[in-house]
Amino acid sequence: MKQYVGQIIQVTGHTHGLDVSRYDTSFLVKSLGRRLRATSIKSRTAYLQRLSDDRAEAEALFRSLHITYSEFFRNPFTFALLEQVVLPGLVQEKEKSDRGTLRVWSAGCAAGQEA
């Protein structure tokens, strides 16, 4: 599997100028599996050939690797707003309501493991 991922990295980079080497191997494997299903291609060899020949597919693979919704959480302005406006307001509301705790849900994980 690592050889296959290495070939994908080489084809996307050298043939199409798209650098996917920064992504974790397991993430790439999962993303490649999704692209195989989306294109109805059955074999990795056939997908590698398609990727070599088809710039649009290389771009589709590249776009599928971007987790755009998480950019919200990487934006410094977002955290400044949370720190200076949202959290103080929540704390004030908590104090007014005589609740003993302030519960916050982690958007990073539905079960809150990352919190």
PDB file of N, CA and C in Angstrom:
ATOM      1  N   MET A   1       0.821  -1.196   0.000  1.00  0.00           N
ATOM      2  CA  MET A   1       0.000   0.000   0.000  1.00  0.00           C
ATOM      3  C   MET A   1       0.872   1.269   0.000  1.00  0.00           C
ATOM      4  N   LYS A   2       1.973   1.249   0.757  1.00  0.00           N
ATOM      5  CA  LYS A   2       2.843   2.426   0.796  1.00  0.00           C
ATOM      6  C   LYS A   2       3.429   2.726  -0.578  1.00  0.00           C
ATOM      7  N   GLN A   3       3.740   1.668  -1.328  1.00  0.00           N
ATOM      8  CA  GLN A   3       4.273   1.868  -2.676  1.00  0.00           C
ATOM      9  C   GLN A   3       3.221   2.551  -3.548  1.00  0.00           C
ATOM     10  N   TYR A   4       1.976   2.114  -3.418  1.00  0.00           N
ATOM     11  CA  TYR A   4       0.873   2.705  -4.181  1.00  0.00           C
ATOM     12  C   TYR A   4       0.712   4.177  -3.823  1.00  0.00           C
ATOM     13  N   VAL A   5       0.731   4.492  -2.536  1.00  0.00           N
ATOM     14  CA  VAL A   5       0.604   5.883  -2.097  1.00  0.00           C
ATOM     15  C   VAL A   5       1.785   6.689  -2.629  1.00  0.00           C
ATOM     16  N   GLY A   6       2.969   6.109  -2.600  1.00  0.00           N
ATOM     17  CA  GLY A   6       4.145   6.781  -3.156  1.00  0.00           C
ATOM     18  C   GLY A   6       3.980   7.088  -4.638  1.00  0.00           C
ATOM     19  N   GLN A   7       3.393   6.155  -5.382  1.00  0.00           N
ATOM     20  CA  GLN A   7       3.147   6.376  -6.813  1.00  0.00           C
ATOM     21  C   GLN A   7       2.126   7.486  -7.024  1.00  0.00           C
ATOM     22  N   ILE A   8       1.109   7.520  -6.178  1.00  0.00           N
ATOM     23  CA  ILE A   8       0.086   8.577  -6.269  1.00  0.00           C
ATOM     24  C   ILE A   8       0.731   9.935  -6.015  1.00  0.00           C
ATOM     25  N   ILE A   9       1.573   9.997  -4.987  1.00  0.00           N
ATOM     26  CA  ILE A   9       2.269  11.250  -4.655  1.00  0.00           C
ATOM     27  C   ILE A   9       3.129  11.695  -5.830  1.00  0.00           C
ATOM     28  N   GLN A  10       3.817  10.744  -6.434  1.00  0.00           N
ATOM     29  CA  GLN A  10       4.686  11.064  -7.569  1.00  0.00           C
ATOM     30  C   GLN A  10       3.877  11.560  -8.769  1.00  0.00           C
ATOM     31  N   VAL A  11       2.805  10.868  -9.090  1.00  0.00           N
ATOM     32  CA  VAL A  11       1.995  11.257 -10.252  1.00  0.00           C
ATOM     33  C   VAL A  11       1.345  12.623 -10.036  1.00  0.00           C
ATOM     34  N   THR A  12       0.755  12.828  -8.872  1.00  0.00           N
ATOM     35  CA  THR A  12       0.094  14.121  -8.644  1.00  0.00           C
ATOM     36  C   THR A  12       1.112  15.255  -8.626  1.00  0.00           C
ATOM     37  N   GLY A  13       2.292  14.995  -8.079  1.00  0.00           N
ATOM     38  CA  GLY A  13       3.312  16.035  -7.987  1.00  0.00           C
ATOM     39  C   GLY A  13       4.025  16.300  -9.291  1.00  0.00           C
ATOM     40  N   HIS A  14       4.564  15.245  -9.895  1.00  0.00           N
ATOM     41  CA  HIS A  14       5.389  15.420 -11.093  1.00  0.00           C
ATOM     42  C   HIS A  14       4.561  15.684 -12.337  1.00  0.00           C
ATOM     43  N   THR A  15       3.448  15.014 -12.473  1.00  0.00           N
ATOM     44  CA  THR A  15       2.656  15.150 -13.688  1.00  0.00           C
ATOM     45  C   THR A  15       1.750  16.385 -13.648  1.00  0.00           C
ATOM     46  N   HIS A  16       1.188  16.650 -12.462  1.00  0.00           N
ATOM     47  CA  HIS A  16       0.183  17.704 -12.377  1.00  0.00           C
ATOM     48  C   HIS A  16       0.567  18.874 -11.472  1.00  0.00           C
ATOM     49  N   GLY A  17       1.711  18.771 -10.778  1.00  0.00           N
ATOM     50  CA  GLY A  17       2.156  19.865  -9.921  1.00  0.00           C
ATOM     51  C   GLY A  17       1.333  20.034  -8.650  1.00  0.00           C
ATOM     52  N   LEU A  18       0.698  18.974  -8.194  1.00  0.00           N
ATOM     53  CA  LEU A  18      -0.137  19.024  -6.989  1.00  0.00           C
ATOM     54  C   LEU A  18       0.555  18.230  -5.876  1.00  0.00           C
ATOM     55  N   ASP A  19       0.952  18.894  -4.803  1.00  0.00           N
ATOM     56  CA  ASP A  19       1.705  18.246  -3.734  1.00  0.00           C
ATOM     57  C   ASP A  19       0.772  17.645  -2.693  1.00  0.00           C
ATOM     58  N   VAL A  20       0.709  16.326  -2.654  1.00  0.00           N
ATOM     59  CA  VAL A  20      -0.100  15.631  -1.646  1.00  0.00           C
ATOM     60  C   VAL A  20       0.794  14.902  -0.642  1.00  0.00           C
ATOM     61  N   SER A  21       2.092  15.143  -0.716  1.00  0.00           N
ATOM     62  CA  SER A  21       3.040  14.422   0.133  1.00  0.00           C
ATOM     63  C   SER A  21       2.932  14.793   1.606  1.00  0.00           C
ATOM     64  N   ARG A  22       2.351  15.921   1.914  1.00  0.00           N
ATOM     65  CA  ARG A  22       2.270  16.359   3.319  1.00  0.00           C
ATOM     66  C   ARG A  22       1.195  15.618   4.112  1.00  0.00           C
ATOM     67  N   TYR A  23       0.344  14.882   3.419  1.00  0.00           N
ATOM     68  CA  TYR A  23      -0.745  14.188   4.092  1.00  0.00           C
ATOM     69  C   TYR A  23      -0.289  12.835   4.633  1.00  0.00           C
ATOM     70  N   ASP A  24      -0.859  12.453   5.740  1.00  0.00           N
ATOM     71  CA  ASP A  24      -0.592  11.171   6.376  1.00  0.00           C
ATOM     72  C   ASP A  24      -1.006  10.033   5.445  1.00  0.00           C
ATOM     73  N   THR A  25      -0.223   8.972   5.437  1.00  0.00           N
ATOM     74  CA  THR A  25      -0.484   7.836   4.551  1.00  0.00           C
ATOM     75  C   THR A  25      -1.884   7.256   4.751  1.00  0.00           C
ATOM     76  N   SER A  26      -2.302   7.088   6.003  1.00  0.00           N
ATOM     77  CA  SER A  26      -3.622   6.496   6.240  1.00  0.00           C
ATOM     78  C   SER A  26      -4.736   7.412   5.735  1.00  0.00           C
ATOM     79  N   PHE A  27      -4.543   8.732   5.854  1.00  0.00           N
ATOM     80  CA  PHE A  27      -5.523   9.682   5.327  1.00  0.00           C
ATOM     81  C   PHE A  27      -5.586   9.588   3.806  1.00  0.00           C
ATOM     82  N   LEU A  28      -4.416   9.478   3.172  1.00  0.00           N
ATOM     83  CA  LEU A  28      -4.380   9.333   1.710  1.00  0.00           C
ATOM     84  C   LEU A  28      -5.056   8.045   1.263  1.00  0.00           C
ATOM     85  N   VAL A  29      -4.819   6.961   1.974  1.00  0.00           N
ATOM     86  CA  VAL A  29      -5.425   5.677   1.619  1.00  0.00           C
ATOM     87  C   VAL A  29      -6.948   5.782   1.677  1.00  0.00           C
ATOM     88  N   LYS A  30      -7.481   6.383   2.734  1.00  0.00           N
ATOM     89  CA  LYS A  30      -8.935   6.553   2.854  1.00  0.00           C
ATOM     90  C   LYS A  30      -9.475   7.442   1.741  1.00  0.00           C
ATOM     91  N   SER A  31      -8.777   8.520   1.453  1.00  0.00           N
ATOM     92  CA  SER A  31      -9.215   9.432   0.389  1.00  0.00           C
ATOM     93  C   SER A  31      -9.163   8.757  -0.971  1.00  0.00           C
ATOM     94  N   LEU A  32      -8.120   7.967  -1.213  1.00  0.00           N
ATOM     95  CA  LEU A  32      -8.020   7.233  -2.480  1.00  0.00           C
ATOM     96  C   LEU A  32      -9.152   6.224  -2.610  1.00  0.00           C
ATOM     97  N   GLY A  33      -9.504   5.583  -1.516  1.00  0.00           N
ATOM     98  CA  GLY A  33     -10.630   4.647  -1.539  1.00  0.00           C
ATOM     99  C   GLY A  33     -11.924   5.344  -1.931  1.00  0.00           C
ATOM    100  N   ARG A  34     -12.129   6.545  -1.394  1.00  0.00           N
ATOM    101  CA  ARG A  34     -13.334   7.317  -1.758  1.00  0.00           C
ATOM    102  C   ARG A  34     -13.324   7.692  -3.240  1.00  0.00           C
ATOM    103  N   ARG A  35     -12.144   8.077  -3.754  1.00  0.00           N
ATOM    104  CA  ARG A  35     -12.053   8.444  -5.167  1.00  0.00           C
ATOM    105  C   ARG A  35     -12.259   7.217  -6.063  1.00  0.00           C
ATOM    106  N   LEU A  36     -11.761   6.057  -5.644  1.00  0.00           N
ATOM    107  CA  LEU A  36     -11.988   4.834  -6.416  1.00  0.00           C
ATOM    108  C   LEU A  36     -13.488   4.556  -6.514  1.00  0.00           C
ATOM    109  N   ARG A  37     -14.188   4.681  -5.392  1.00  0.00           N
ATOM    110  CA  ARG A  37     -15.643   4.455  -5.404  1.00  0.00           C
ATOM    111  C   ARG A  37     -16.352   5.524  -6.238  1.00  0.00           C
ATOM    112  N   ALA A  38     -15.929   6.765  -6.117  1.00  0.00           N
ATOM    113  CA  ALA A  38     -16.584   7.854  -6.847  1.00  0.00           C
ATOM    114  C   ALA A  38     -16.419   7.708  -8.355  1.00  0.00           C
ATOM    115  N   THR A  39     -15.305   7.165  -8.779  1.00  0.00           N
ATOM    116  CA  THR A  39     -15.046   6.997 -10.209  1.00  0.00           C
ATOM    117  C   THR A  39     -15.442   5.622 -10.731  1.00  0.00           C
ATOM    118  N   SER A  40     -15.858   4.741  -9.818  1.00  0.00           N
ATOM    119  CA  SER A  40     -16.227   3.357 -10.161  1.00  0.00           C
ATOM    120  C   SER A  40     -15.061   2.577 -10.756  1.00  0.00           C
ATOM    121  N   ILE A  41     -13.860   2.967 -10.416  1.00  0.00           N
ATOM    122  CA  ILE A  41     -12.678   2.238 -10.872  1.00  0.00           C
ATOM    123  C   ILE A  41     -12.394   1.144  -9.853  1.00  0.00           C
ATOM    124  N   LYS A  42     -12.181  -0.050 -10.334  1.00  0.00           N
ATOM    125  CA  LYS A  42     -12.055  -1.214  -9.455  1.00  0.00           C
ATOM    126  C   LYS A  42     -10.640  -1.479  -8.959  1.00  0.00           C
ATOM    127  N   SER A  43      -9.624  -1.130  -9.744  1.00  0.00           N
ATOM    128  CA  SER A  43      -8.260  -1.477  -9.330  1.00  0.00           C
ATOM    129  C   SER A  43      -7.418  -0.229  -9.105  1.00  0.00           C
ATOM    130  N   ARG A  44      -6.442  -0.382  -8.216  1.00  0.00           N
ATOM    131  CA  ARG A  44      -5.529   0.725  -7.940  1.00  0.00           C
ATOM    132  C   ARG A  44      -4.687   1.055  -9.161  1.00  0.00           C
ATOM    133  N   THR A  45      -4.314   0.029  -9.913  1.00  0.00           N
ATOM    134  CA  THR A  45      -3.520   0.250 -11.124  1.00  0.00           C
ATOM    135  C   THR A  45      -4.298   1.080 -12.137  1.00  0.00           C
ATOM    136  N   ALA A  46      -5.561   0.753 -12.318  1.00  0.00           N
ATOM    137  CA  ALA A  46      -6.394   1.501 -13.264  1.00  0.00           C
ATOM    138  C   ALA A  46      -6.581   2.943 -12.783  1.00  0.00           C
ATOM    139  N   TYR A  47      -6.729   3.127 -11.468  1.00  0.00           N
ATOM    140  CA  TYR A  47      -6.893   4.481 -10.957  1.00  0.00           C
ATOM    141  C   TYR A  47      -5.604   5.287 -11.139  1.00  0.00           C
ATOM    142  N   LEU A  48      -4.475   4.664 -10.910  1.00  0.00           N
ATOM    143  CA  LEU A  48      -3.194   5.334 -11.101  1.00  0.00           C
ATOM    144  C   LEU A  48      -3.039   5.773 -12.562  1.00  0.00           C
ATOM    145  N   GLN A  49      -3.454   4.919 -13.485  1.00  0.00           N
ATOM    146  CA  GLN A  49      -3.402   5.277 -14.910  1.00  0.00           C
ATOM    147  C   GLN A  49      -4.334   6.448 -15.203  1.00  0.00           C
ATOM    148  N   ARG A  50      -5.540   6.386 -14.662  1.00  0.00           N
ATOM    149  CA  ARG A  50      -6.505   7.490 -14.851  1.00  0.00           C
ATOM    150  C   ARG A  50      -5.938   8.788 -14.297  1.00  0.00           C
ATOM    151  N   LEU A  51      -5.338   8.708 -13.132  1.00  0.00           N
ATOM    152  CA  LEU A  51      -4.755   9.879 -12.499  1.00  0.00           C
ATOM    153  C   LEU A  51      -3.631  10.457 -13.359  1.00  0.00           C
ATOM    154  N   SER A  52      -2.839   9.589 -13.965  1.00  0.00           N
ATOM    155  CA  SER A  52      -1.749  10.035 -14.829  1.00  0.00           C
ATOM    156  C   SER A  52      -2.263  10.766 -16.059  1.00  0.00           C
ATOM    157  N   ASP A  53      -3.368  10.283 -16.611  1.00  0.00           N
ATOM    158  CA  ASP A  53      -3.894  10.797 -17.874  1.00  0.00           C
ATOM    159  C   ASP A  53      -4.886  11.945 -17.715  1.00  0.00           C
ATOM    160  N   ASP A  54      -5.474  12.076 -16.544  1.00  0.00           N
ATOM    161  CA  ASP A  54      -6.626  12.965 -16.388  1.00  0.00           C
ATOM    162  C   ASP A  54      -6.375  14.033 -15.330  1.00  0.00           C
ATOM    163  N   ARG A  55      -6.050  15.230 -15.773  1.00  0.00           N
ATOM    164  CA  ARG A  55      -5.785  16.358 -14.854  1.00  0.00           C
ATOM    165  C   ARG A  55      -6.993  16.637 -13.973  1.00  0.00           C
ATOM    166  N   ALA A  56      -8.186  16.534 -14.520  1.00  0.00           N
ATOM    167  CA  ALA A  56      -9.402  16.805 -13.745  1.00  0.00           C
ATOM    168  C   ALA A  56      -9.530  15.838 -12.567  1.00  0.00           C
ATOM    169  N   GLU A  57      -9.166  14.574 -12.773  1.00  0.00           N
ATOM    170  CA  GLU A  57      -9.226  13.607 -11.674  1.00  0.00           C
ATOM    171  C   GLU A  57      -8.159  13.919 -10.631  1.00  0.00           C
ATOM    172  N   ALA A  58      -6.975  14.326 -11.065  1.00  0.00           N
ATOM    173  CA  ALA A  58      -5.932  14.710 -10.114  1.00  0.00           C
ATOM    174  C   ALA A  58      -6.400  15.886  -9.262  1.00  0.00           C
ATOM    175  N   GLU A  59      -7.061  16.841  -9.879  1.00  0.00           N
ATOM    176  CA  GLU A  59      -7.585  17.987  -9.131  1.00  0.00           C
ATOM    177  C   GLU A  59      -8.719  17.574  -8.201  1.00  0.00           C
ATOM    178  N   ALA A  60      -9.547  16.645  -8.639  1.00  0.00           N
ATOM    179  CA  ALA A  60     -10.630  16.146  -7.783  1.00  0.00           C
ATOM    180  C   ALA A  60     -10.055  15.445  -6.551  1.00  0.00           C
ATOM    181  N   LEU A  61      -9.016  14.644  -6.754  1.00  0.00           N
ATOM    182  CA  LEU A  61      -8.350  13.995  -5.623  1.00  0.00           C
ATOM    183  C   LEU A  61      -7.764  15.043  -4.698  1.00  0.00           C
ATOM    184  N   PHE A  62      -7.080  16.020  -5.256  1.00  0.00           N
ATOM    185  CA  PHE A  62      -6.451  17.072  -4.460  1.00  0.00           C
ATOM    186  C   PHE A  62      -7.489  17.843  -3.642  1.00  0.00           C
ATOM    187  N   ARG A  63      -8.596  18.196  -4.264  1.00  0.00           N
ATOM    188  CA  ARG A  63      -9.666  18.912  -3.543  1.00  0.00           C
ATOM    189  C   ARG A  63     -10.268  18.053  -2.438  1.00  0.00           C
ATOM    190  N   SER A  64     -10.334  16.746  -2.661  1.00  0.00           N
ATOM    191  CA  SER A  64     -10.923  15.861  -1.655  1.00  0.00           C
ATOM    192  C   SER A  64     -10.061  15.763  -0.402  1.00  0.00           C
ATOM    193  N   LEU A  65      -8.807  16.152  -0.504  1.00  0.00           N
ATOM    194  CA  LEU A  65      -7.898  16.091   0.640  1.00  0.00           C
ATOM    195  C   LEU A  65      -8.012  17.301   1.552  1.00  0.00           C
ATOM    196  N   HIS A  66      -8.648  18.329   1.085  1.00  0.00           N
ATOM    197  CA  HIS A  66      -8.772  19.550   1.867  1.00  0.00           C
ATOM    198  C   HIS A  66     -10.005  19.477   2.745  1.00  0.00           C
ATOM    199  N   ILE A  67      -9.790  19.610   4.019  1.00  0.00           N
ATOM    200  CA  ILE A  67     -10.891  19.583   4.979  1.00  0.00           C
ATOM    201  C   ILE A  67     -11.242  21.036   5.264  1.00  0.00           C
ATOM    202  N   THR A  68     -12.072  21.611   4.427  1.00  0.00           N
ATOM    203  CA  THR A  68     -12.308  23.047   4.491  1.00  0.00           C
ATOM    204  C   THR A  68     -13.042  23.494   5.743  1.00  0.00           C
ATOM    205  N   TYR A  69     -13.897  22.664   6.309  1.00  0.00           N
ATOM    206  CA  TYR A  69     -14.645  23.113   7.474  1.00  0.00           C
ATOM    207  C   TYR A  69     -13.748  23.352   8.679  1.00  0.00           C
ATOM    208  N   SER A  70     -12.605  22.709   8.756  1.00  0.00           N
ATOM    209  CA  SER A  70     -11.736  22.902   9.918  1.00  0.00           C
ATOM    210  C   SER A  70     -10.973  24.215   9.863  1.00  0.00           C
ATOM    211  N   GLU A  71     -10.941  24.883   8.705  1.00  0.00           N
ATOM    212  CA  GLU A  71     -10.257  26.156   8.622  1.00  0.00           C
ATOM    213  C   GLU A  71     -10.875  27.174   9.570  1.00  0.00           C
ATOM    214  N   PHE A  72     -12.142  27.046   9.836  1.00  0.00           N
ATOM    215  CA  PHE A  72     -12.814  27.922  10.797  1.00  0.00           C
ATOM    216  C   PHE A  72     -12.089  27.883  12.132  1.00  0.00           C
ATOM    217  N   PHE A  73     -11.676  26.708  12.549  1.00  0.00           N
ATOM    218  CA  PHE A  73     -11.044  26.537  13.850  1.00  0.00           C
ATOM    219  C   PHE A  73      -9.564  26.883  13.840  1.00  0.00           C
ATOM    220  N   ARG A  74      -9.011  27.150  12.679  1.00  0.00           N
ATOM    221  CA  ARG A  74      -7.600  27.545  12.579  1.00  0.00           C
ATOM    222  C   ARG A  74      -7.448  29.053  12.376  1.00  0.00           C
ATOM    223  N   ASN A  75      -8.536  29.760  12.342  1.00  0.00           N
ATOM    224  CA  ASN A  75      -8.528  31.192  12.086  1.00  0.00           C
ATOM    225  C   ASN A  75      -8.283  31.950  13.395  1.00  0.00           C
ATOM    226  N   PRO A  76      -7.184  32.722  13.516  1.00  0.00           N
ATOM    227  CA  PRO A  76      -6.902  33.448  14.759  1.00  0.00           C
ATOM    228  C   PRO A  76      -8.016  34.412  15.150  1.00  0.00           C
ATOM    229  N   PHE A  77      -8.656  35.030  14.163  1.00  0.00           N
ATOM    230  CA  PHE A  77      -9.753  35.944  14.468  1.00  0.00           C
ATOM    231  C   PHE A  77     -10.892  35.218  15.170  1.00  0.00           C
ATOM    232  N   THR A  78     -11.167  34.005  14.748  1.00  0.00           N
ATOM    233  CA  THR A  78     -12.224  33.209  15.369  1.00  0.00           C
ATOM    234  C   THR A  78     -11.953  33.007  16.848  1.00  0.00           C
ATOM    235  N   PHE A  79     -10.733  32.629  17.180  1.00  0.00           N
ATOM    236  CA  PHE A  79     -10.403  32.388  18.581  1.00  0.00           C
ATOM    237  C   PHE A  79     -10.365  33.676  19.389  1.00  0.00           C
ATOM    238  N   ALA A  80      -9.937  34.768  18.773  1.00  0.00           N
ATOM    239  CA  ALA A  80      -9.955  36.056  19.472  1.00  0.00           C
ATOM    240  C   ALA A  80     -11.394  36.453  19.797  1.00  0.00           C
ATOM    241  N   LEU A  81     -12.290  36.238  18.859  1.00  0.00           N
ATOM    242  CA  LEU A  81     -13.703  36.534  19.081  1.00  0.00           C
ATOM    243  C   LEU A  81     -14.276  35.648  20.185  1.00  0.00           C
ATOM    244  N   LEU A  82     -13.935  34.382  20.157  1.00  0.00           N
ATOM    245  CA  LEU A  82     -14.383  33.475  21.221  1.00  0.00           C
ATOM    246  C   LEU A  82     -13.860  33.920  22.583  1.00  0.00           C
ATOM    247  N   GLU A  83     -12.575  34.260  22.621  1.00  0.00           N
ATOM    248  CA  GLU A  83     -11.928  34.640  23.882  1.00  0.00           C
ATOM    249  C   GLU A  83     -12.456  35.958  24.442  1.00  0.00           C
ATOM    250  N   GLN A  84     -12.667  36.939  23.577  1.00  0.00           N
ATOM    251  CA  GLN A  84     -12.971  38.284  24.047  1.00  0.00           C
ATOM    252  C   GLN A  84     -14.457  38.615  24.094  1.00  0.00           C
ATOM    253  N   VAL A  85     -15.276  37.895  23.331  1.00  0.00           N
ATOM    254  CA  VAL A  85     -16.697  38.228  23.279  1.00  0.00           C
ATOM    255  C   VAL A  85     -17.578  37.066  23.739  1.00  0.00           C
ATOM    256  N   VAL A  86     -17.421  35.939  23.095  1.00  0.00           N
ATOM    257  CA  VAL A  86     -18.342  34.832  23.324  1.00  0.00           C
ATOM    258  C   VAL A  86     -18.188  34.229  24.720  1.00  0.00           C
ATOM    259  N   LEU A  87     -16.971  33.823  25.082  1.00  0.00           N
ATOM    260  CA  LEU A  87     -16.777  33.178  26.385  1.00  0.00           C
ATOM    261  C   LEU A  87     -17.116  34.097  27.565  1.00  0.00           C
ATOM    262  N   PRO A  88     -16.692  35.366  27.569  1.00  0.00           N
ATOM    263  CA  PRO A  88     -17.100  36.235  28.682  1.00  0.00           C
ATOM    264  C   PRO A  88     -18.625  36.358  28.798  1.00  0.00           C
ATOM    265  N   GLY A  89     -19.304  36.408  27.663  1.00  0.00           N
ATOM    266  CA  GLY A  89     -20.766  36.456  27.687  1.00  0.00           C
ATOM    267  C   GLY A  89     -21.368  35.183  28.267  1.00  0.00           C
ATOM    268  N   LEU A  90     -20.812  34.047  27.917  1.00  0.00           N
ATOM    269  CA  LEU A  90     -21.297  32.778  28.462  1.00  0.00           C
ATOM    270  C   LEU A  90     -21.069  32.701  29.973  1.00  0.00           C
ATOM    271  N   VAL A  91     -19.904  33.160  30.404  1.00  0.00           N
ATOM    272  CA  VAL A  91     -19.597  33.141  31.837  1.00  0.00           C
ATOM    273  C   VAL A  91     -20.552  34.066  32.599  1.00  0.00           C
ATOM    274  N   GLN A  92     -20.823  35.222  32.052  1.00  0.00           N
ATOM    275  CA  GLN A  92     -21.771  36.146  32.701  1.00  0.00           C
ATOM    276  C   GLN A  92     -23.158  35.526  32.804  1.00  0.00           C
ATOM    277  N   GLU A  93     -23.619  34.906  31.738  1.00  0.00           N
ATOM    278  CA  GLU A  93     -24.929  34.256  31.755  1.00  0.00           C
ATOM    279  C   GLU A  93     -24.962  33.118  32.771  1.00  0.00           C
ATOM    280  N   LYS A  94     -23.872  32.359  32.861  1.00  0.00           N
ATOM    281  CA  LYS A  94     -23.787  31.271  33.836  1.00  0.00           C
ATOM    282  C   LYS A  94     -23.909  31.821  35.246  1.00  0.00           C
ATOM    283  N   GLU A  95     -23.211  32.910  35.525  1.00  0.00           N
ATOM    284  CA  GLU A  95     -23.241  33.498  36.863  1.00  0.00           C
ATOM    285  C   GLU A  95     -24.624  34.039  37.212  1.00  0.00           C
ATOM    286  N   LYS A  96     -25.316  34.614  36.259  1.00  0.00           N
ATOM    287  CA  LYS A  96     -26.665  35.133  36.482  1.00  0.00           C
ATOM    288  C   LYS A  96     -27.661  34.010  36.768  1.00  0.00           C
ATOM    289  N   SER A  97     -27.434  32.856  36.175  1.00  0.00           N
ATOM    290  CA  SER A  97     -28.385  31.752  36.297  1.00  0.00           C
ATOM    291  C   SER A  97     -28.126  30.861  37.500  1.00  0.00           C
ATOM    292  N   ASP A  98     -27.067  31.106  38.242  1.00  0.00           N
ATOM    293  CA  ASP A  98     -26.693  30.300  39.407  1.00  0.00           C
ATOM    294  C   ASP A  98     -26.392  28.842  39.059  1.00  0.00           C
ATOM    295  N   ARG A  99     -26.023  28.593  37.815  1.00  0.00           N
ATOM    296  CA  ARG A  99     -25.608  27.239  37.453  1.00  0.00           C
ATOM    297  C   ARG A  99     -24.186  27.016  37.942  1.00  0.00           C
ATOM    298  N   GLY A 100     -23.906  25.832  38.383  1.00  0.00           N
ATOM    299  CA  GLY A 100     -22.588  25.524  38.919  1.00  0.00           C
ATOM    300  C   GLY A 100     -21.522  25.272  37.869  1.00  0.00           C
ATOM    301  N   THR A 101     -21.936  24.914  36.676  1.00  0.00           N
ATOM    302  CA  THR A 101     -20.946  24.586  35.642  1.00  0.00           C
ATOM    303  C   THR A 101     -21.305  25.247  34.325  1.00  0.00           C
ATOM    304  N   LEU A 102     -20.290  25.399  33.522  1.00  0.00           N
ATOM    305  CA  LEU A 102     -20.465  25.863  32.157  1.00  0.00           C
ATOM    306  C   LEU A 102     -20.033  24.713  31.266  1.00  0.00           C
ATOM    307  N   ARG A 103     -20.961  24.160  30.516  1.00  0.00           N
ATOM    308  CA  ARG A 103     -20.663  23.018  29.660  1.00  0.00           C
ATOM    309  C   ARG A 103     -20.455  23.502  28.235  1.00  0.00           C
ATOM    310  N   VAL A 104     -19.367  23.030  27.616  1.00  0.00           N
ATOM    311  CA  VAL A 104     -19.018  23.436  26.257  1.00  0.00           C
ATOM    312  C   VAL A 104     -18.838  22.178  25.429  1.00  0.00           C
ATOM    313  N   TRP A 105     -19.465  22.156  24.272  1.00  0.00           N
ATOM    314  CA  TRP A 105     -19.353  21.020  23.362  1.00  0.00           C
ATOM    315  C   TRP A 105     -18.164  21.238  22.440  1.00  0.00           C
ATOM    316  N   SER A 106     -17.370  20.221  22.237  1.00  0.00           N
ATOM    317  CA  SER A 106     -16.234  20.294  21.334  1.00  0.00           C
ATOM    318  C   SER A 106     -16.698  19.951  19.924  1.00  0.00           C
ATOM    319  N   ALA A 107     -16.561  20.895  19.026  1.00  0.00           N
ATOM    320  CA  ALA A 107     -16.942  20.645  17.639  1.00  0.00           C
ATOM    321  C   ALA A 107     -15.956  19.697  16.961  1.00  0.00           C
ATOM    322  N   GLY A 108     -14.781  19.526  17.551  1.00  0.00           N
ATOM    323  CA  GLY A 108     -13.762  18.643  16.982  1.00  0.00           C
ATOM    324  C   GLY A 108     -14.154  17.182  17.056  1.00  0.00           C
ATOM    325  N   CYS A 109     -15.025  16.863  17.967  1.00  0.00           N
ATOM    326  CA  CYS A 109     -15.441  15.467  18.120  1.00  0.00           C
ATOM    327  C   CYS A 109     -16.795  15.450  18.800  1.00  0.00           C
ATOM    328  N   ALA A 110     -17.737  14.764  18.230  1.00  0.00           N
ATOM    329  CA  ALA A 110     -19.094  14.746  18.759  1.00  0.00           C
ATOM    330  C   ALA A 110     -19.158  14.225  20.182  1.00  0.00           C
ATOM    331  N   ALA A 111     -18.258  13.327  20.551  1.00  0.00           N
ATOM    332  CA  ALA A 111     -18.255  12.780  21.899  1.00  0.00           C
ATOM    333  C   ALA A 111     -17.377  13.574  22.855  1.00  0.00           C
ATOM    334  N   GLY A 112     -16.637  14.575  22.321  1.00  0.00           N
ATOM    335  CA  GLY A 112     -15.835  15.450  23.150  1.00  0.00           C
ATOM    336  C   GLY A 112     -14.471  14.922  23.555  1.00  0.00           C
ATOM    337  N   GLN A 113     -13.966  13.878  22.896  1.00  0.00           N
ATOM    338  CA  GLN A 113     -12.685  13.304  23.297  1.00  0.00           C
ATOM    339  C   GLN A 113     -11.538  14.317  23.196  1.00  0.00           C
ATOM    340  N   GLU A 114     -11.558  15.182  22.177  1.00  0.00           N
ATOM    341  CA  GLU A 114     -10.468  16.128  21.999  1.00  0.00           C
ATOM    342  C   GLU A 114     -10.502  17.273  22.976  1.00  0.00           C
ATOM    343  N   ALA A 115     -11.630  17.507  23.577  1.00  0.00           N
ATOM    344  CA  ALA A 115     -11.742  18.642  24.514  1.00  0.00           C
ATOM    345  C   ALA A 115     -10.771  18.451  25.649  1.00  0.00           C
TER     346      ALA A 115
END
